[in-house]
Protein backbone atom coordinates (compact mmCIF):
# COMPACT_ATOMS: atom_id res chain seq x y z
CA MET A 1 96.42 -41.29 67.95
CA ASN A 2 98.60 -44.09 69.16
CA GLY A 3 100.25 -44.03 72.57
CA TYR A 4 103.45 -42.38 71.39
CA GLN A 5 101.44 -39.68 69.60
CA VAL A 6 99.56 -39.05 72.86
CA ILE A 7 102.90 -38.62 74.65
CA ALA A 8 104.16 -36.24 71.96
CA ALA A 9 100.91 -34.23 72.00
CA LEU A 10 101.01 -33.81 75.79
CA ASP A 11 104.67 -32.79 75.63
CA GLU A 12 103.89 -30.22 72.92
CA ARG A 13 100.69 -28.87 74.46
CA THR A 14 102.32 -28.40 77.87
CA GLU A 15 105.45 -26.89 76.30
CA GLY A 16 107.56 -29.65 77.82
CA ALA A 17 106.08 -29.44 81.32
CA TRP A 18 104.54 -32.91 81.09
CA LYS A 19 105.87 -35.78 79.01
CA PRO A 20 104.46 -38.98 80.46
CA SER A 21 106.27 -42.26 79.95
CA PRO A 22 104.86 -45.13 77.90
CA GLY A 23 104.51 -46.98 81.22
CA ALA A 24 102.01 -44.33 82.30
CA VAL A 25 100.19 -43.79 79.00
CA TYR A 26 99.48 -47.36 77.88
CA PRO A 27 97.84 -48.50 81.14
CA SER A 28 95.74 -45.31 81.01
CA LEU A 29 94.69 -46.11 77.44
CA ASN A 30 93.76 -49.64 78.53
CA GLN A 31 91.68 -48.26 81.40
CA LEU A 32 89.90 -45.77 79.12
CA GLU A 33 89.17 -48.62 76.71
CA ASP A 34 87.82 -50.78 79.57
CA GLU A 35 85.56 -47.88 80.58
CA GLY A 36 84.22 -47.59 77.01
CA LEU A 37 85.59 -44.07 76.51
CA ILE A 38 88.00 -44.94 73.69
CA GLU A 39 88.26 -47.72 71.13
CA PRO A 40 91.23 -49.06 69.20
CA PHE A 41 91.23 -49.01 65.41
CA ASP A 42 93.63 -49.80 62.58
CA ASN A 43 95.19 -46.57 61.41
CA GLU A 44 97.06 -47.59 58.24
CA GLY A 45 98.58 -50.66 59.89
CA THR A 46 99.15 -49.02 63.26
CA LYS A 47 96.96 -49.48 66.31
CA ALA A 48 95.48 -46.14 67.29
CA TYR A 49 92.69 -44.97 69.57
CA ARG A 50 89.69 -42.70 69.11
CA LEU A 51 86.95 -41.48 71.41
CA THR A 52 83.69 -43.40 71.49
CA SER A 53 80.40 -41.51 71.61
CA GLN A 54 80.46 -41.96 75.40
CA GLY A 55 84.04 -40.68 75.42
CA ASN A 56 83.04 -37.61 73.40
CA GLN A 57 80.26 -36.83 75.88
CA THR A 58 82.60 -37.27 78.83
CA ALA A 59 85.30 -35.12 77.20
CA GLU A 60 82.95 -32.21 76.52
CA VAL A 61 83.66 -29.31 78.83
CA SER A 62 82.52 -25.76 79.04
CA PRO A 63 84.56 -23.28 76.99
CA GLU A 64 85.51 -21.58 80.28
CA THR A 65 87.03 -24.78 81.69
CA PRO A 66 90.77 -24.94 81.02
CA ARG A 67 92.06 -28.03 79.27
CA PRO A 68 94.33 -30.21 81.45
CA TRP A 69 97.40 -29.29 79.40
CA GLU A 70 96.64 -25.57 79.83
CA SER A 71 96.55 -26.00 83.61
CA MET A 72 99.81 -27.98 83.52
CA ARG A 73 101.50 -25.39 81.30
CA ALA A 74 100.33 -22.52 83.53
CA ALA A 75 101.53 -24.30 86.67
CA HIS A 76 105.03 -24.70 85.21
CA GLU A 77 105.47 -21.28 83.63
CA PRO A 78 108.50 -19.45 84.94
CA SER A 79 107.64 -16.35 86.93
CA HIS A 80 110.28 -14.44 84.95
CA PRO A 81 110.60 -15.92 81.44
CA GLN A 82 113.49 -13.62 80.42
CA GLY A 83 115.57 -14.68 83.41
CA ALA A 84 114.66 -18.32 82.90
CA SER A 85 115.88 -18.24 79.32
CA GLN A 86 119.17 -16.69 80.48
CA ILE A 87 119.59 -19.50 83.03
CA TRP A 88 118.90 -22.22 80.45
CA ALA A 89 121.27 -20.62 77.92
CA ALA A 90 124.02 -20.58 80.57
CA TYR A 91 123.17 -24.20 81.44
CA GLY A 92 123.59 -25.15 77.77
CA ASP A 93 126.99 -23.46 77.70
CA LEU A 94 127.96 -25.37 80.85
CA ALA A 95 126.82 -28.64 79.23
CA HIS A 96 129.11 -27.98 76.25
CA ALA A 97 132.06 -27.30 78.56
CA LEU A 98 131.36 -30.48 80.52
CA LYS A 99 131.11 -32.52 77.34
CA ALA A 100 134.53 -31.25 76.26
CA LEU A 101 135.94 -32.01 79.71
CA THR A 102 134.58 -35.56 79.76
CA ARG A 103 136.11 -36.25 76.35
CA SER A 104 139.60 -34.91 76.97
CA GLY A 105 139.98 -34.20 80.69
CA THR A 106 142.05 -36.15 83.15
CA ALA A 107 140.65 -38.05 86.12
CA ALA A 108 141.76 -35.21 88.39
CA GLN A 109 139.97 -32.66 86.17
CA HIS A 110 136.81 -34.78 86.23
CA GLU A 111 136.96 -34.90 90.02
CA ALA A 112 137.53 -31.13 90.23
CA ALA A 113 134.59 -30.50 87.88
CA ALA A 114 132.30 -32.75 89.95
CA LYS A 115 133.23 -30.77 93.07
CA ALA A 116 132.63 -27.46 91.24
CA ILE A 117 129.20 -28.65 90.11
CA ALA A 118 128.30 -29.72 93.65
CA GLU A 119 129.35 -26.28 94.90
CA LEU A 120 127.31 -24.60 92.16
CA GLN A 121 124.28 -26.66 93.20
CA ARG A 122 124.67 -25.54 96.83
CA SER A 123 125.07 -21.95 95.64
CA VAL A 124 121.86 -22.10 93.58
CA TYR A 125 119.91 -23.48 96.55
CA GLY A 126 121.45 -20.68 98.62
CA ILE A 127 120.09 -18.13 96.16
CA LEU A 128 116.62 -19.65 96.58
CA ALA A 129 116.98 -19.42 100.37
CA GLU A 130 117.73 -15.68 100.27
CA PRO A 131 114.81 -13.33 100.85
CA ALA A 132 113.43 -12.10 97.55
CA ALA A 133 114.33 -8.53 96.70
CA PRO A 134 111.38 -6.34 95.80
CA GLU A 135 110.83 -6.01 92.07
CA ALA A 136 112.07 -2.75 90.63
CA SER A 137 109.21 -0.67 89.29
CA PRO A 138 109.70 1.08 85.95
CA GLU A 139 110.35 4.81 86.15
CA ALA A 140 107.35 6.88 85.05
């Protein structure tokens, strides 16, 4: 893989929880190369990297050991996926409304929207500050 493919793979494997920047990936690739764990090669005209034999030995882990991307994905999983998807759908709807407002709204409407968003942000943090209600158990 080349550096951008590494970034894309980490983004995909962590389901978006971790997408490092090129400024983080390329120095890491250089360090791994300096340590003899990877080597560059020409991949159809593009510089790519592959593990060396030492890198393969170092990368071997027990089947019980979670891969780094699995740990990252698990750490960022929402505790209630259904509710999280509802929040993100509503956020998308809000983004569409804001896009329409920025295109055709007046300066006063932009200012009012900015104030409304700031109030919404305070409200969301207020929800987090409330004591959690016990989860409803399903009726037997």
